[in-house]
N, C-alpha and C. Protein backbone atom coordinates (compact mmCIF):
# COMPACT_ATOMS: atom_id res chain seq x y z
N LEU A 1 0.83 -1.19 0.00
CA LEU A 1 0.00 0.00 0.00
C LEU A 1 0.87 1.25 0.00
N GLU A 2 2.00 1.17 0.70
CA GLU A 2 2.91 2.31 0.71
C GLU A 2 3.47 2.57 -0.69
N LEU A 3 3.83 1.50 -1.41
CA LEU A 3 4.33 1.65 -2.76
C LEU A 3 3.27 2.24 -3.68
N LYS A 4 2.04 1.87 -3.45
CA LYS A 4 0.95 2.41 -4.26
C LYS A 4 0.77 3.90 -3.96
N GLU A 5 0.87 4.26 -2.70
CA GLU A 5 0.73 5.66 -2.31
C GLU A 5 1.84 6.53 -2.90
N THR A 6 3.03 5.98 -3.05
CA THR A 6 4.15 6.74 -3.62
C THR A 6 4.13 6.74 -5.15
N GLY A 7 3.26 5.94 -5.74
CA GLY A 7 3.15 5.90 -7.19
C GLY A 7 4.03 4.86 -7.86
N LEU A 8 4.77 4.07 -7.09
CA LEU A 8 5.62 3.04 -7.68
C LEU A 8 4.81 1.83 -8.13
N VAL A 9 3.63 1.66 -7.56
CA VAL A 9 2.73 0.57 -7.92
C VAL A 9 1.38 1.19 -8.22
N ARG A 10 0.79 0.81 -9.36
CA ARG A 10 -0.53 1.35 -9.71
C ARG A 10 -1.67 0.51 -9.18
N LYS A 11 -1.50 -0.81 -9.20
CA LYS A 11 -2.57 -1.70 -8.77
C LYS A 11 -2.00 -2.82 -7.93
N ILE A 12 -2.80 -3.25 -6.97
CA ILE A 12 -2.44 -4.38 -6.12
C ILE A 12 -3.46 -5.47 -6.38
N GLY A 13 -2.97 -6.68 -6.64
CA GLY A 13 -3.89 -7.76 -6.95
C GLY A 13 -3.42 -9.10 -6.44
N VAL A 14 -4.30 -10.08 -6.60
CA VAL A 14 -4.02 -11.45 -6.19
C VAL A 14 -4.53 -12.41 -7.24
N SER A 15 -4.00 -13.61 -7.18
CA SER A 15 -4.47 -14.71 -8.00
C SER A 15 -5.05 -15.73 -7.04
N VAL A 16 -6.29 -16.13 -7.28
CA VAL A 16 -6.97 -17.06 -6.37
C VAL A 16 -7.45 -18.29 -7.13
N TYR A 17 -7.88 -19.30 -6.37
CA TYR A 17 -8.40 -20.54 -6.94
C TYR A 17 -9.89 -20.74 -6.69
N ASN A 18 -10.41 -20.10 -5.62
CA ASN A 18 -11.81 -20.39 -5.27
C ASN A 18 -12.43 -19.26 -4.45
N ALA A 19 -13.71 -19.39 -4.18
CA ALA A 19 -14.47 -18.38 -3.45
C ALA A 19 -13.99 -18.23 -2.01
N ARG A 20 -13.57 -19.32 -1.38
CA ARG A 20 -13.07 -19.24 -0.01
C ARG A 20 -11.88 -18.29 0.07
N GLN A 21 -10.98 -18.37 -0.89
CA GLN A 21 -9.83 -17.49 -0.90
C GLN A 21 -10.25 -16.04 -1.13
N ILE A 22 -11.20 -15.83 -2.02
CA ILE A 22 -11.69 -14.47 -2.26
C ILE A 22 -12.25 -13.88 -0.97
N ASP A 23 -13.11 -14.63 -0.31
CA ASP A 23 -13.74 -14.14 0.91
C ASP A 23 -12.70 -13.83 1.99
N ALA A 24 -11.71 -14.68 2.14
CA ALA A 24 -10.68 -14.47 3.16
C ALA A 24 -9.82 -13.25 2.85
N ILE A 25 -9.43 -13.09 1.59
CA ILE A 25 -8.53 -12.00 1.21
C ILE A 25 -9.23 -10.65 1.23
N PHE A 26 -10.43 -10.59 0.68
CA PHE A 26 -11.10 -9.30 0.54
C PHE A 26 -11.66 -8.78 1.85
N SER A 27 -11.74 -9.62 2.85
CA SER A 27 -12.16 -9.13 4.16
C SER A 27 -10.98 -8.49 4.90
N ARG A 28 -9.76 -8.67 4.36
CA ARG A 28 -8.56 -8.18 5.05
C ARG A 28 -7.76 -7.13 4.29
N TYR A 29 -7.84 -7.13 2.94
CA TYR A 29 -6.97 -6.27 2.15
C TYR A 29 -7.74 -5.50 1.08
N PRO A 30 -7.38 -4.24 0.88
CA PRO A 30 -7.97 -3.48 -0.23
C PRO A 30 -7.21 -3.79 -1.52
N LEU A 31 -7.90 -4.38 -2.49
CA LEU A 31 -7.25 -4.78 -3.73
C LEU A 31 -7.90 -4.09 -4.93
N ASP A 32 -7.13 -4.06 -6.02
CA ASP A 32 -7.60 -3.42 -7.25
C ASP A 32 -7.87 -4.43 -8.36
N LEU A 33 -7.22 -5.58 -8.28
CA LEU A 33 -7.22 -6.54 -9.37
C LEU A 33 -7.23 -7.96 -8.83
N ILE A 34 -7.91 -8.83 -9.54
CA ILE A 34 -7.93 -10.24 -9.15
C ILE A 34 -7.83 -11.11 -10.40
N GLN A 35 -7.11 -12.21 -10.27
CA GLN A 35 -6.99 -13.19 -11.35
C GLN A 35 -7.68 -14.46 -10.86
N VAL A 36 -8.62 -14.95 -11.66
CA VAL A 36 -9.43 -16.10 -11.25
C VAL A 36 -9.46 -17.18 -12.32
N PRO A 37 -9.63 -18.44 -11.91
CA PRO A 37 -9.85 -19.50 -12.91
C PRO A 37 -11.28 -19.41 -13.41
N LEU A 38 -11.45 -19.49 -14.72
CA LEU A 38 -12.79 -19.41 -15.29
C LEU A 38 -12.77 -20.04 -16.67
N ASN A 39 -13.69 -20.96 -16.87
CA ASN A 39 -13.82 -21.59 -18.18
C ASN A 39 -15.18 -22.27 -18.27
N VAL A 40 -15.46 -22.86 -19.39
CA VAL A 40 -16.77 -23.47 -19.64
C VAL A 40 -17.11 -24.51 -18.56
N PHE A 41 -16.14 -25.26 -18.08
CA PHE A 41 -16.41 -26.27 -17.06
C PHE A 41 -16.34 -25.68 -15.65
N ASP A 42 -15.46 -24.71 -15.41
CA ASP A 42 -15.30 -24.11 -14.08
C ASP A 42 -15.98 -22.75 -14.05
N GLN A 43 -17.26 -22.78 -13.69
CA GLN A 43 -18.08 -21.57 -13.63
C GLN A 43 -18.44 -21.21 -12.20
N ARG A 44 -17.72 -21.77 -11.24
CA ARG A 44 -18.07 -21.58 -9.82
C ARG A 44 -18.20 -20.11 -9.42
N LEU A 45 -17.22 -19.30 -9.76
CA LEU A 45 -17.22 -17.90 -9.32
C LEU A 45 -18.26 -17.06 -10.05
N LEU A 46 -18.64 -17.49 -11.22
CA LEU A 46 -19.69 -16.82 -11.96
C LEU A 46 -21.05 -17.08 -11.29
N HIS A 47 -21.33 -18.34 -11.01
CA HIS A 47 -22.64 -18.71 -10.48
C HIS A 47 -22.80 -18.45 -8.97
N SER A 48 -21.69 -18.31 -8.27
CA SER A 48 -21.77 -17.98 -6.84
C SER A 48 -22.04 -16.49 -6.64
N GLY A 49 -21.89 -15.71 -7.71
CA GLY A 49 -22.08 -14.27 -7.61
C GLY A 49 -20.81 -13.51 -7.26
N HIS A 50 -19.72 -14.23 -7.07
CA HIS A 50 -18.47 -13.56 -6.69
C HIS A 50 -17.96 -12.61 -7.77
N LEU A 51 -18.05 -13.01 -9.03
CA LEU A 51 -17.55 -12.12 -10.09
C LEU A 51 -18.36 -10.83 -10.15
N LYS A 52 -19.66 -10.95 -10.04
CA LYS A 52 -20.52 -9.77 -10.07
C LYS A 52 -20.21 -8.85 -8.88
N LYS A 53 -20.05 -9.44 -7.71
CA LYS A 53 -19.75 -8.67 -6.50
C LYS A 53 -18.40 -7.95 -6.63
N LEU A 54 -17.40 -8.66 -7.13
CA LEU A 54 -16.08 -8.06 -7.31
C LEU A 54 -16.13 -6.90 -8.30
N LYS A 55 -16.86 -7.08 -9.38
CA LYS A 55 -17.00 -6.03 -10.39
C LYS A 55 -17.71 -4.82 -9.80
N GLN A 56 -18.76 -5.06 -9.00
CA GLN A 56 -19.49 -3.96 -8.37
C GLN A 56 -18.60 -3.18 -7.41
N GLN A 57 -17.60 -3.85 -6.86
CA GLN A 57 -16.66 -3.19 -5.96
C GLN A 57 -15.55 -2.47 -6.72
N GLY A 58 -15.61 -2.52 -8.05
CA GLY A 58 -14.65 -1.80 -8.86
C GLY A 58 -13.37 -2.53 -9.17
N LEU A 59 -13.32 -3.82 -8.91
CA LEU A 59 -12.10 -4.57 -9.20
C LEU A 59 -11.96 -4.89 -10.68
N GLU A 60 -10.73 -4.93 -11.12
CA GLU A 60 -10.40 -5.40 -12.46
C GLU A 60 -10.27 -6.91 -12.36
N ILE A 61 -10.96 -7.65 -13.25
CA ILE A 61 -10.98 -9.11 -13.16
C ILE A 61 -10.33 -9.71 -14.40
N HIS A 62 -9.30 -10.53 -14.15
CA HIS A 62 -8.62 -11.25 -15.22
C HIS A 62 -8.96 -12.73 -15.08
N ALA A 63 -9.39 -13.34 -16.16
CA ALA A 63 -9.73 -14.76 -16.16
C ALA A 63 -8.54 -15.55 -16.71
N ARG A 64 -8.14 -16.58 -15.97
CA ARG A 64 -7.06 -17.45 -16.44
C ARG A 64 -7.64 -18.85 -16.66
N SER A 65 -6.88 -19.66 -17.35
CA SER A 65 -7.23 -21.06 -17.61
C SER A 65 -8.51 -21.24 -18.43
N PRO A 66 -8.69 -20.42 -19.49
CA PRO A 66 -9.91 -20.60 -20.28
C PRO A 66 -9.95 -21.95 -20.99
N PHE A 67 -8.79 -22.58 -21.19
CA PHE A 67 -8.73 -23.89 -21.84
C PHE A 67 -8.68 -25.03 -20.83
N LEU A 68 -8.72 -24.72 -19.53
CA LEU A 68 -8.60 -25.70 -18.45
C LEU A 68 -7.39 -26.62 -18.70
N GLN A 69 -6.25 -25.98 -18.85
CA GLN A 69 -4.98 -26.69 -19.07
C GLN A 69 -5.05 -27.63 -20.28
N GLY A 70 -5.85 -27.28 -21.26
CA GLY A 70 -5.95 -28.07 -22.49
C GLY A 70 -7.08 -29.08 -22.51
N VAL A 71 -7.76 -29.28 -21.39
CA VAL A 71 -8.86 -30.25 -21.34
C VAL A 71 -9.96 -29.87 -22.34
N LEU A 72 -10.27 -28.59 -22.43
CA LEU A 72 -11.34 -28.16 -23.32
C LEU A 72 -10.95 -28.21 -24.80
N LEU A 73 -9.67 -28.38 -25.08
CA LEU A 73 -9.21 -28.45 -26.46
C LEU A 73 -9.04 -29.89 -26.95
N ALA A 74 -8.91 -30.81 -26.02
CA ALA A 74 -8.64 -32.21 -26.37
C ALA A 74 -9.93 -32.99 -26.57
N SER A 75 -9.85 -34.01 -27.40
CA SER A 75 -10.99 -34.92 -27.53
C SER A 75 -10.97 -35.85 -26.32
N PRO A 76 -12.12 -36.38 -25.92
CA PRO A 76 -12.18 -37.22 -24.71
C PRO A 76 -11.17 -38.37 -24.71
N GLU A 77 -10.96 -38.99 -25.85
CA GLU A 77 -10.04 -40.14 -25.90
C GLU A 77 -8.57 -39.74 -25.76
N GLU A 78 -8.26 -38.47 -25.92
CA GLU A 78 -6.89 -37.99 -25.78
C GLU A 78 -6.51 -37.67 -24.34
N LEU A 79 -7.50 -37.58 -23.47
CA LEU A 79 -7.26 -37.16 -22.10
C LEU A 79 -6.81 -38.31 -21.20
N PRO A 80 -6.07 -37.99 -20.14
CA PRO A 80 -5.66 -39.01 -19.17
C PRO A 80 -6.87 -39.69 -18.54
N THR A 81 -6.67 -40.87 -18.00
CA THR A 81 -7.75 -41.65 -17.40
C THR A 81 -8.48 -40.89 -16.29
N HIS A 82 -7.82 -39.94 -15.68
CA HIS A 82 -8.42 -39.11 -14.62
C HIS A 82 -9.75 -38.50 -15.07
N PHE A 83 -9.88 -38.23 -16.36
CA PHE A 83 -11.06 -37.55 -16.89
C PHE A 83 -12.13 -38.49 -17.43
N ARG A 84 -11.94 -39.78 -17.31
CA ARG A 84 -12.95 -40.72 -17.82
C ARG A 84 -14.32 -40.52 -17.19
N ILE A 85 -14.32 -40.05 -15.96
CA ILE A 85 -15.58 -39.83 -15.25
C ILE A 85 -16.47 -38.79 -15.95
N ILE A 86 -15.86 -37.92 -16.76
CA ILE A 86 -16.65 -36.90 -17.45
C ILE A 86 -16.72 -37.13 -18.97
N THR A 87 -16.47 -38.35 -19.40
CA THR A 87 -16.50 -38.66 -20.83
C THR A 87 -17.83 -38.26 -21.47
N ASN A 88 -18.96 -38.62 -20.86
CA ASN A 88 -20.26 -38.26 -21.43
C ASN A 88 -20.44 -36.75 -21.49
N HIS A 89 -19.97 -36.07 -20.46
CA HIS A 89 -20.05 -34.61 -20.40
C HIS A 89 -19.23 -34.00 -21.53
N LEU A 90 -18.04 -34.51 -21.74
CA LEU A 90 -17.17 -34.03 -22.82
C LEU A 90 -17.80 -34.28 -24.19
N GLN A 91 -18.41 -35.43 -24.35
CA GLN A 91 -19.05 -35.74 -25.63
C GLN A 91 -20.24 -34.82 -25.89
N GLN A 92 -21.01 -34.54 -24.85
CA GLN A 92 -22.15 -33.61 -24.98
C GLN A 92 -21.63 -32.22 -25.36
N TYR A 93 -20.54 -31.79 -24.72
CA TYR A 93 -19.94 -30.50 -25.04
C TYR A 93 -19.46 -30.47 -26.49
N ARG A 94 -18.84 -31.55 -26.94
CA ARG A 94 -18.36 -31.62 -28.33
C ARG A 94 -19.53 -31.55 -29.32
N ARG A 95 -20.65 -32.16 -28.99
CA ARG A 95 -21.84 -32.08 -29.85
C ARG A 95 -22.35 -30.64 -29.92
N TRP A 96 -22.32 -29.95 -28.79
CA TRP A 96 -22.73 -28.55 -28.75
C TRP A 96 -21.81 -27.71 -29.63
N LEU A 97 -20.50 -27.96 -29.55
CA LEU A 97 -19.54 -27.24 -30.39
C LEU A 97 -19.89 -27.43 -31.87
N ALA A 98 -20.11 -28.66 -32.27
CA ALA A 98 -20.42 -28.97 -33.67
C ALA A 98 -21.72 -28.28 -34.10
N ALA A 99 -22.73 -28.35 -33.26
CA ALA A 99 -24.02 -27.73 -33.59
C ALA A 99 -23.91 -26.22 -33.75
N ASN A 100 -22.97 -25.61 -33.01
CA ASN A 100 -22.80 -24.16 -33.08
C ASN A 100 -21.63 -23.74 -33.97
N ARG A 101 -21.06 -24.72 -34.66
CA ARG A 101 -19.95 -24.47 -35.61
C ARG A 101 -18.81 -23.68 -34.96
N LEU A 102 -18.42 -24.13 -33.78
CA LEU A 102 -17.32 -23.50 -33.05
C LEU A 102 -16.21 -24.51 -32.84
N SER A 103 -14.98 -24.05 -32.94
CA SER A 103 -13.86 -24.91 -32.56
C SER A 103 -13.77 -24.90 -31.04
N PRO A 104 -13.09 -25.87 -30.44
CA PRO A 104 -12.93 -25.85 -28.99
C PRO A 104 -12.30 -24.55 -28.48
N ALA A 105 -11.31 -24.04 -29.19
CA ALA A 105 -10.66 -22.80 -28.75
C ALA A 105 -11.59 -21.59 -28.88
N GLN A 106 -12.35 -21.53 -29.97
CA GLN A 106 -13.30 -20.43 -30.15
C GLN A 106 -14.32 -20.41 -29.02
N ALA A 107 -14.83 -21.57 -28.67
CA ALA A 107 -15.84 -21.66 -27.59
C ALA A 107 -15.23 -21.32 -26.24
N ALA A 108 -14.05 -21.84 -25.97
CA ALA A 108 -13.41 -21.59 -24.68
C ALA A 108 -13.12 -20.11 -24.49
N LEU A 109 -12.54 -19.49 -25.50
CA LEU A 109 -12.23 -18.06 -25.40
C LEU A 109 -13.48 -17.20 -25.48
N GLY A 110 -14.41 -17.58 -26.33
CA GLY A 110 -15.64 -16.81 -26.48
C GLY A 110 -16.47 -16.79 -25.21
N PHE A 111 -16.57 -17.93 -24.55
CA PHE A 111 -17.35 -17.99 -23.31
C PHE A 111 -16.84 -16.99 -22.29
N VAL A 112 -15.54 -17.00 -22.05
CA VAL A 112 -14.95 -16.12 -21.03
C VAL A 112 -14.99 -14.67 -21.49
N ASN A 113 -14.67 -14.44 -22.74
CA ASN A 113 -14.58 -13.07 -23.25
C ASN A 113 -15.93 -12.35 -23.29
N GLN A 114 -17.02 -13.08 -23.43
CA GLN A 114 -18.33 -12.43 -23.54
C GLN A 114 -18.92 -12.04 -22.18
N LEU A 115 -18.30 -12.44 -21.10
CA LEU A 115 -18.83 -12.12 -19.77
C LEU A 115 -18.52 -10.66 -19.40
N PRO A 116 -19.53 -9.88 -19.03
CA PRO A 116 -19.30 -8.46 -18.75
C PRO A 116 -18.37 -8.22 -17.55
N GLU A 117 -18.25 -9.18 -16.66
CA GLU A 117 -17.39 -9.00 -15.49
C GLU A 117 -15.90 -9.11 -15.82
N ILE A 118 -15.57 -9.71 -16.94
CA ILE A 118 -14.18 -10.01 -17.27
C ILE A 118 -13.53 -8.87 -18.04
N ASP A 119 -12.39 -8.41 -17.53
CA ASP A 119 -11.65 -7.33 -18.19
C ASP A 119 -10.54 -7.85 -19.09
N ALA A 120 -9.99 -9.02 -18.77
CA ALA A 120 -8.90 -9.58 -19.57
C ALA A 120 -8.92 -11.10 -19.46
N VAL A 121 -8.49 -11.75 -20.53
CA VAL A 121 -8.38 -13.21 -20.55
C VAL A 121 -6.91 -13.55 -20.71
N ILE A 122 -6.41 -14.41 -19.85
CA ILE A 122 -5.00 -14.79 -19.86
C ILE A 122 -4.85 -16.18 -20.44
N VAL A 123 -4.03 -16.31 -21.48
CA VAL A 123 -3.74 -17.61 -22.06
C VAL A 123 -2.23 -17.74 -22.25
N GLY A 124 -1.77 -18.96 -22.19
CA GLY A 124 -0.38 -19.24 -22.49
C GLY A 124 -0.26 -19.69 -23.93
N VAL A 125 0.80 -19.29 -24.57
CA VAL A 125 1.05 -19.72 -25.94
C VAL A 125 2.50 -20.19 -26.05
N GLU A 126 2.72 -21.08 -27.01
CA GLU A 126 4.07 -21.60 -27.24
C GLU A 126 4.67 -21.05 -28.52
N THR A 127 3.81 -20.59 -29.44
CA THR A 127 4.32 -20.10 -30.72
C THR A 127 3.57 -18.83 -31.14
N GLU A 128 4.16 -18.12 -32.07
CA GLU A 128 3.51 -16.94 -32.63
C GLU A 128 2.22 -17.34 -33.34
N LYS A 129 2.25 -18.50 -34.00
CA LYS A 129 1.06 -19.00 -34.70
C LYS A 129 -0.10 -19.20 -33.71
N GLN A 130 0.17 -19.80 -32.55
CA GLN A 130 -0.86 -19.98 -31.53
C GLN A 130 -1.40 -18.63 -31.07
N PHE A 131 -0.51 -17.70 -30.86
CA PHE A 131 -0.92 -16.36 -30.43
C PHE A 131 -1.89 -15.74 -31.44
N CYS A 132 -1.52 -15.78 -32.71
CA CYS A 132 -2.36 -15.21 -33.76
C CYS A 132 -3.70 -15.95 -33.86
N GLN A 133 -3.67 -17.28 -33.70
CA GLN A 133 -4.91 -18.06 -33.75
C GLN A 133 -5.82 -17.69 -32.58
N ASN A 134 -5.24 -17.51 -31.38
CA ASN A 134 -6.04 -17.11 -30.22
C ASN A 134 -6.70 -15.75 -30.45
N LEU A 135 -5.97 -14.82 -31.05
CA LEU A 135 -6.55 -13.51 -31.34
C LEU A 135 -7.72 -13.64 -32.32
N GLN A 136 -7.56 -14.50 -33.29
CA GLN A 136 -8.64 -14.73 -34.26
C GLN A 136 -9.82 -15.43 -33.58
N ASP A 137 -9.55 -16.42 -32.75
CA ASP A 137 -10.62 -17.18 -32.08
C ASP A 137 -11.43 -16.32 -31.11
N VAL A 138 -10.77 -15.43 -30.41
CA VAL A 138 -11.48 -14.61 -29.43
C VAL A 138 -12.43 -13.62 -30.09
N ARG A 139 -12.23 -13.37 -31.36
CA ARG A 139 -13.10 -12.44 -32.10
C ARG A 139 -14.30 -13.13 -32.74
N THR A 140 -14.38 -14.45 -32.63
CA THR A 140 -15.50 -15.20 -33.21
C THR A 140 -16.79 -14.81 -32.50
N PRO A 141 -17.84 -14.49 -33.25
CA PRO A 141 -19.13 -14.13 -32.62
C PRO A 141 -19.60 -15.25 -31.68
N TRP A 142 -20.11 -14.85 -30.54
CA TRP A 142 -20.54 -15.80 -29.52
C TRP A 142 -22.04 -16.02 -29.60
N PRO A 143 -22.49 -17.27 -29.67
CA PRO A 143 -23.94 -17.55 -29.69
C PRO A 143 -24.54 -17.27 -28.31
N MET A 144 -25.58 -16.51 -28.25
CA MET A 144 -26.21 -16.21 -26.97
C MET A 144 -26.88 -17.48 -26.45
N CYS A 145 -26.31 -18.05 -25.40
CA CYS A 145 -26.86 -19.28 -24.83
C CYS A 145 -26.38 -19.44 -23.41
N ASP A 146 -27.09 -20.22 -22.66
CA ASP A 146 -26.74 -20.50 -21.26
C ASP A 146 -25.78 -21.68 -21.22
N MET A 147 -24.61 -21.45 -20.69
CA MET A 147 -23.58 -22.49 -20.65
C MET A 147 -23.56 -23.24 -19.32
N ARG A 148 -24.54 -22.99 -18.46
CA ARG A 148 -24.58 -23.68 -17.16
C ARG A 148 -24.60 -25.20 -17.32
N GLN A 149 -25.16 -25.67 -18.41
CA GLN A 149 -25.26 -27.12 -18.62
C GLN A 149 -23.89 -27.79 -18.66
N PHE A 150 -22.84 -27.02 -18.90
CA PHE A 150 -21.50 -27.59 -18.98
C PHE A 150 -20.66 -27.37 -17.73
N ALA A 151 -21.21 -26.67 -16.74
CA ALA A 151 -20.48 -26.42 -15.50
C ALA A 151 -20.27 -27.73 -14.74
N ILE A 152 -19.09 -27.85 -14.17
CA ILE A 152 -18.73 -29.02 -13.35
C ILE A 152 -18.30 -28.51 -11.98
N ASP A 153 -18.85 -29.10 -10.93
CA ASP A 153 -18.50 -28.68 -9.57
C ASP A 153 -17.42 -29.55 -8.93
N ASP A 154 -17.08 -30.65 -9.55
CA ASP A 154 -16.09 -31.57 -8.99
C ASP A 154 -14.69 -30.96 -9.08
N GLU A 155 -14.15 -30.55 -7.93
CA GLU A 155 -12.84 -29.89 -7.92
C GLU A 155 -11.73 -30.80 -8.41
N ALA A 156 -11.89 -32.10 -8.29
CA ALA A 156 -10.86 -33.03 -8.80
C ALA A 156 -10.74 -32.93 -10.32
N ILE A 157 -11.77 -32.42 -10.96
CA ILE A 157 -11.76 -32.25 -12.42
C ILE A 157 -11.36 -30.83 -12.80
N ILE A 158 -11.88 -29.83 -12.11
CA ILE A 158 -11.67 -28.44 -12.54
C ILE A 158 -10.51 -27.72 -11.87
N ASP A 159 -9.90 -28.31 -10.87
CA ASP A 159 -8.75 -27.68 -10.20
C ASP A 159 -7.48 -28.46 -10.52
N PRO A 160 -6.65 -27.94 -11.43
CA PRO A 160 -5.44 -28.67 -11.84
C PRO A 160 -4.48 -28.99 -10.69
N ARG A 161 -4.58 -28.26 -9.59
CA ARG A 161 -3.72 -28.58 -8.44
C ARG A 161 -4.03 -29.97 -7.88
N LEU A 162 -5.21 -30.49 -8.19
CA LEU A 162 -5.63 -31.78 -7.66
C LEU A 162 -5.41 -32.93 -8.64
N TRP A 163 -4.89 -32.62 -9.81
CA TRP A 163 -4.61 -33.66 -10.80
C TRP A 163 -3.33 -34.38 -10.42
N HIS A 164 -3.33 -35.68 -10.52
CA HIS A 164 -2.17 -36.48 -10.13
C HIS A 164 -1.61 -37.25 -11.31
N PHE A 165 -1.17 -36.50 -12.32
CA PHE A 165 -0.53 -37.11 -13.48
C PHE A 165 0.39 -36.07 -14.08
N ASN A 166 1.36 -36.54 -14.84
CA ASN A 166 2.27 -35.61 -15.49
C ASN A 166 1.74 -35.22 -16.85
N THR A 167 2.47 -34.39 -17.57
CA THR A 167 1.96 -33.86 -18.84
C THR A 167 1.78 -34.94 -19.90
N SER A 168 2.42 -36.09 -19.73
CA SER A 168 2.23 -37.17 -20.70
C SER A 168 0.96 -37.97 -20.38
N GLY A 169 0.30 -37.63 -19.26
CA GLY A 169 -0.94 -38.30 -18.91
C GLY A 169 -0.73 -39.50 -18.01
N ARG A 170 0.53 -39.83 -17.67
CA ARG A 170 0.78 -40.96 -16.79
C ARG A 170 0.46 -40.61 -15.35
N GLU A 171 -0.23 -41.50 -14.69
CA GLU A 171 -0.62 -41.27 -13.31
C GLU A 171 0.60 -41.16 -12.41
N GLU A 172 0.53 -40.27 -11.41
CA GLU A 172 1.58 -40.11 -10.42
C GLU A 172 0.96 -40.26 -9.05
N ALA A 173 1.78 -40.49 -8.07
CA ALA A 173 1.31 -40.59 -6.69
C ALA A 173 0.88 -39.19 -6.23
N PRO A 174 -0.19 -39.10 -5.44
CA PRO A 174 -0.62 -37.79 -4.93
C PRO A 174 0.40 -37.17 -4.01
């Protein structure tokens, strides 16, 4: 806060994983910015009202993990066994994508980008080509529809901190 008062820092923010962390932090500290996980499957903060409340308090909200670490971009058979429990859910989502003529990336970015509470969407890229494709995908017109049908509350699925496998999909000990 002292650095902000002297002008060396313009905004103070945090990155959180869930509503419990938001409630704990905002009851103790005055913040300007928050980074939250948000995607088609992880809609917890949207439906709990936390995003709306934060926006009403004047916070800048950045959404991270719109691709859910690649889960929303992969076909069900490409995913580690950890995700077999949501195979039907993934297939239903893929049918919705096809019916709306959206690629997985267009839908993932479009869903987050169309929310009025969101000021910025954070994605990781490995190449310039990916970066350019993401810019193109985020500009795809979004079909007005309720995406609640795709929300998942199981934290073992939507919180990557709870995944127990490496990037090759091989199971690891917790």
